[in-house]
Amino acid sequence: MPDERSPIRHHLVLHRRDSEQGRARFYSLMIERDLFGTIRLVRNWGPVGSRGQERVEIFDSETEAGWALETIAQAQRQRGYKDL
């Protein structure tokens, strides 16, 4: 279980709406530990209301996973996604 005192954001959800095309999309990032203590960054994205697609990356430390989360989030914000 992640340390509650950790400065790392463990879950982030971004949204993008395209009113011209009538579409809404989401991009979710979450840092978690599996049953074996492996640190994973889980990304989930797709149209709002769907399960979307998922990608999982494994990291050696929570800090590395946090850096990856912030890097990916910044790239998605540049593509028009906004924090909820």
N, C-alpha and C. Protein backbone atom coordinates (compact mmCIF):
# COMPACT_ATOMS: atom_id res chain seq x y z
N MET A 1 0.84 -1.19 0.00
CA MET A 1 0.00 0.00 0.00
C MET A 1 0.87 1.24 0.00
N PRO A 2 0.55 2.25 -0.81
CA PRO A 2 1.36 3.46 -0.86
C PRO A 2 1.40 4.17 0.48
N ASP A 3 2.52 4.82 0.73
CA ASP A 3 2.70 5.59 1.95
C ASP A 3 1.77 6.80 1.91
N GLU A 4 0.94 6.96 2.92
CA GLU A 4 -0.03 8.06 2.96
C GLU A 4 0.66 9.43 3.03
N ARG A 5 1.91 9.46 3.48
CA ARG A 5 2.64 10.73 3.59
C ARG A 5 3.39 11.07 2.31
N SER A 6 3.30 10.23 1.31
CA SER A 6 4.02 10.44 0.06
C SER A 6 3.54 11.71 -0.64
N PRO A 7 4.47 12.51 -1.19
CA PRO A 7 4.09 13.72 -1.92
C PRO A 7 3.60 13.41 -3.33
N ILE A 8 3.68 12.17 -3.75
CA ILE A 8 3.30 11.80 -5.11
C ILE A 8 1.79 11.72 -5.24
N ARG A 9 1.29 12.28 -6.32
CA ARG A 9 -0.13 12.18 -6.65
C ARG A 9 -0.37 10.77 -7.16
N HIS A 10 -1.25 10.04 -6.53
CA HIS A 10 -1.44 8.64 -6.88
C HIS A 10 -2.53 8.40 -7.92
N HIS A 11 -3.42 9.38 -8.13
CA HIS A 11 -4.49 9.19 -9.10
C HIS A 11 -4.84 10.53 -9.73
N LEU A 12 -4.93 10.54 -11.05
CA LEU A 12 -5.23 11.77 -11.77
C LEU A 12 -6.16 11.43 -12.92
N VAL A 13 -7.22 12.22 -13.08
CA VAL A 13 -8.15 12.03 -14.19
C VAL A 13 -8.24 13.33 -14.97
N LEU A 14 -8.03 13.24 -16.28
CA LEU A 14 -8.11 14.39 -17.18
C LEU A 14 -9.27 14.17 -18.15
N HIS A 15 -9.87 15.26 -18.61
CA HIS A 15 -10.99 15.19 -19.56
C HIS A 15 -10.74 16.15 -20.71
N ARG A 16 -11.28 15.80 -21.87
CA ARG A 16 -11.24 16.68 -23.04
C ARG A 16 -12.58 16.60 -23.74
N ARG A 17 -13.16 17.77 -24.02
CA ARG A 17 -14.45 17.82 -24.71
C ARG A 17 -14.28 18.52 -26.05
N ASP A 18 -14.86 17.93 -27.08
CA ASP A 18 -14.86 18.52 -28.40
C ASP A 18 -16.32 18.76 -28.77
N SER A 19 -16.79 19.96 -28.50
CA SER A 19 -18.22 20.26 -28.70
C SER A 19 -18.61 20.25 -30.17
N GLU A 20 -17.68 20.55 -31.08
CA GLU A 20 -18.00 20.53 -32.51
C GLU A 20 -18.35 19.12 -32.97
N GLN A 21 -17.62 18.12 -32.47
CA GLN A 21 -17.86 16.74 -32.86
C GLN A 21 -18.75 16.00 -31.86
N GLY A 22 -19.08 16.66 -30.76
CA GLY A 22 -19.93 16.04 -29.76
C GLY A 22 -19.27 14.87 -29.05
N ARG A 23 -17.96 14.99 -28.82
CA ARG A 23 -17.23 13.90 -28.16
C ARG A 23 -16.62 14.37 -26.85
N ALA A 24 -16.54 13.45 -25.92
CA ALA A 24 -15.84 13.70 -24.65
C ALA A 24 -14.93 12.50 -24.39
N ARG A 25 -13.69 12.78 -23.98
CA ARG A 25 -12.71 11.72 -23.75
C ARG A 25 -12.12 11.87 -22.35
N PHE A 26 -11.57 10.78 -21.83
CA PHE A 26 -10.92 10.81 -20.53
C PHE A 26 -9.53 10.21 -20.64
N TYR A 27 -8.68 10.55 -19.70
CA TYR A 27 -7.34 9.97 -19.59
C TYR A 27 -7.06 9.85 -18.10
N SER A 28 -6.90 8.64 -17.61
CA SER A 28 -6.72 8.38 -16.18
C SER A 28 -5.33 7.80 -15.94
N LEU A 29 -4.66 8.29 -14.91
CA LEU A 29 -3.35 7.79 -14.51
C LEU A 29 -3.41 7.43 -13.03
N MET A 30 -2.88 6.24 -12.69
CA MET A 30 -2.93 5.81 -11.30
C MET A 30 -1.67 5.03 -10.95
N ILE A 31 -1.06 5.38 -9.83
CA ILE A 31 0.08 4.62 -9.31
C ILE A 31 -0.46 3.67 -8.25
N GLU A 32 -0.09 2.40 -8.38
CA GLU A 32 -0.56 1.40 -7.43
C GLU A 32 0.50 0.34 -7.20
N ARG A 33 0.30 -0.45 -6.16
CA ARG A 33 1.15 -1.61 -5.91
C ARG A 33 0.29 -2.86 -6.08
N ASP A 34 0.87 -3.87 -6.72
CA ASP A 34 0.12 -5.11 -6.85
C ASP A 34 0.35 -5.97 -5.60
N LEU A 35 -0.16 -7.18 -5.60
CA LEU A 35 -0.06 -8.06 -4.43
C LEU A 35 1.38 -8.41 -4.07
N PHE A 36 2.28 -8.30 -5.01
CA PHE A 36 3.68 -8.64 -4.77
C PHE A 36 4.53 -7.41 -4.44
N GLY A 37 3.89 -6.24 -4.33
CA GLY A 37 4.60 -5.01 -3.99
C GLY A 37 5.20 -4.29 -5.18
N THR A 38 4.94 -4.76 -6.37
CA THR A 38 5.45 -4.11 -7.58
C THR A 38 4.73 -2.79 -7.80
N ILE A 39 5.50 -1.75 -8.10
CA ILE A 39 4.92 -0.43 -8.33
C ILE A 39 4.55 -0.33 -9.80
N ARG A 40 3.29 0.01 -10.04
CA ARG A 40 2.75 0.06 -11.41
C ARG A 40 2.11 1.41 -11.68
N LEU A 41 2.30 1.89 -12.89
CA LEU A 41 1.58 3.07 -13.37
C LEU A 41 0.56 2.55 -14.37
N VAL A 42 -0.71 2.72 -14.04
CA VAL A 42 -1.79 2.24 -14.88
C VAL A 42 -2.40 3.43 -15.61
N ARG A 43 -2.41 3.36 -16.96
CA ARG A 43 -3.02 4.40 -17.77
C ARG A 43 -4.28 3.83 -18.42
N ASN A 44 -5.34 4.61 -18.40
CA ASN A 44 -6.59 4.19 -19.01
C ASN A 44 -7.12 5.39 -19.77
N TRP A 45 -7.55 5.19 -21.04
CA TRP A 45 -8.03 6.31 -21.83
C TRP A 45 -9.07 5.85 -22.84
N GLY A 46 -9.90 6.80 -23.27
CA GLY A 46 -10.90 6.50 -24.27
C GLY A 46 -12.08 7.44 -24.17
N PRO A 47 -13.15 7.14 -24.91
CA PRO A 47 -14.35 7.97 -24.85
C PRO A 47 -15.03 7.85 -23.48
N VAL A 48 -15.59 8.94 -23.00
CA VAL A 48 -16.34 8.91 -21.74
C VAL A 48 -17.50 7.94 -21.89
N GLY A 49 -17.70 7.10 -20.90
CA GLY A 49 -18.78 6.11 -20.93
C GLY A 49 -18.33 4.75 -21.41
N SER A 50 -17.06 4.63 -21.82
CA SER A 50 -16.54 3.33 -22.26
C SER A 50 -15.46 2.86 -21.29
N ARG A 51 -15.06 1.61 -21.43
CA ARG A 51 -13.96 1.09 -20.61
C ARG A 51 -12.63 1.63 -21.10
N GLY A 52 -12.57 1.97 -22.38
CA GLY A 52 -11.35 2.52 -22.95
C GLY A 52 -10.25 1.47 -23.08
N GLN A 53 -9.05 1.95 -23.25
CA GLN A 53 -7.88 1.10 -23.37
C GLN A 53 -7.04 1.25 -22.11
N GLU A 54 -6.18 0.26 -21.87
CA GLU A 54 -5.36 0.30 -20.66
C GLU A 54 -3.93 -0.11 -20.99
N ARG A 55 -2.99 0.55 -20.32
CA ARG A 55 -1.58 0.21 -20.44
C ARG A 55 -0.98 0.25 -19.05
N VAL A 56 -0.14 -0.73 -18.73
CA VAL A 56 0.48 -0.82 -17.42
C VAL A 56 2.00 -0.79 -17.60
N GLU A 57 2.67 0.05 -16.81
CA GLU A 57 4.13 0.12 -16.81
C GLU A 57 4.61 -0.16 -15.39
N ILE A 58 5.71 -0.87 -15.27
CA ILE A 58 6.28 -1.23 -13.97
C ILE A 58 7.51 -0.37 -13.71
N PHE A 59 7.64 0.11 -12.47
CA PHE A 59 8.76 0.97 -12.08
C PHE A 59 9.47 0.40 -10.85
N ASP A 60 10.74 0.79 -10.69
CA ASP A 60 11.53 0.34 -9.55
C ASP A 60 11.19 1.10 -8.27
N SER A 61 10.73 2.34 -8.42
CA SER A 61 10.41 3.13 -7.23
C SER A 61 9.15 3.96 -7.47
N GLU A 62 8.55 4.38 -6.39
CA GLU A 62 7.37 5.22 -6.45
C GLU A 62 7.72 6.60 -7.03
N THR A 63 8.92 7.05 -6.75
CA THR A 63 9.38 8.34 -7.27
C THR A 63 9.45 8.32 -8.79
N GLU A 64 10.02 7.25 -9.35
CA GLU A 64 10.10 7.12 -10.81
C GLU A 64 8.70 7.08 -11.43
N ALA A 65 7.80 6.36 -10.80
CA ALA A 65 6.42 6.28 -11.28
C ALA A 65 5.77 7.66 -11.22
N GLY A 66 6.05 8.42 -10.18
CA GLY A 66 5.50 9.76 -10.03
C GLY A 66 6.00 10.70 -11.11
N TRP A 67 7.29 10.60 -11.44
CA TRP A 67 7.84 11.42 -12.52
C TRP A 67 7.17 11.07 -13.84
N ALA A 68 7.00 9.78 -14.09
CA ALA A 68 6.35 9.34 -15.33
C ALA A 68 4.91 9.85 -15.38
N LEU A 69 4.19 9.76 -14.27
CA LEU A 69 2.81 10.25 -14.22
C LEU A 69 2.76 11.72 -14.59
N GLU A 70 3.62 12.53 -13.99
CA GLU A 70 3.61 13.98 -14.25
C GLU A 70 4.01 14.29 -15.69
N THR A 71 4.97 13.54 -16.25
CA THR A 71 5.40 13.75 -17.63
C THR A 71 4.27 13.44 -18.60
N ILE A 72 3.60 12.31 -18.38
CA ILE A 72 2.48 11.92 -19.25
C ILE A 72 1.33 12.91 -19.11
N ALA A 73 1.04 13.32 -17.88
CA ALA A 73 -0.06 14.27 -17.65
C ALA A 73 0.23 15.59 -18.35
N GLN A 74 1.47 16.06 -18.29
CA GLN A 74 1.82 17.32 -18.96
C GLN A 74 1.64 17.20 -20.47
N ALA A 75 2.02 16.07 -21.05
CA ALA A 75 1.86 15.85 -22.49
C ALA A 75 0.37 15.84 -22.86
N GLN A 76 -0.45 15.23 -22.04
CA GLN A 76 -1.89 15.19 -22.32
C GLN A 76 -2.52 16.57 -22.18
N ARG A 77 -2.05 17.36 -21.22
CA ARG A 77 -2.57 18.73 -21.08
C ARG A 77 -2.24 19.56 -22.32
N GLN A 78 -1.08 19.32 -22.90
CA GLN A 78 -0.71 20.03 -24.13
C GLN A 78 -1.60 19.62 -25.29
N ARG A 79 -2.18 18.43 -25.22
CA ARG A 79 -3.10 17.95 -26.26
C ARG A 79 -4.53 18.41 -26.02
N GLY A 80 -4.77 19.19 -24.95
CA GLY A 80 -6.10 19.74 -24.71
C GLY A 80 -6.85 19.13 -23.55
N TYR A 81 -6.28 18.16 -22.87
CA TYR A 81 -6.94 17.58 -21.70
C TYR A 81 -6.81 18.53 -20.52
N LYS A 82 -7.84 18.54 -19.68
CA LYS A 82 -7.85 19.42 -18.50
C LYS A 82 -8.14 18.60 -17.25
N ASP A 83 -7.63 19.10 -16.11
CA ASP A 83 -7.91 18.46 -14.83
C ASP A 83 -9.39 18.57 -14.51
N LEU A 84 -9.88 17.58 -13.85
CA LEU A 84 -11.28 17.58 -13.46
C LEU A 84 -11.56 18.59 -12.38
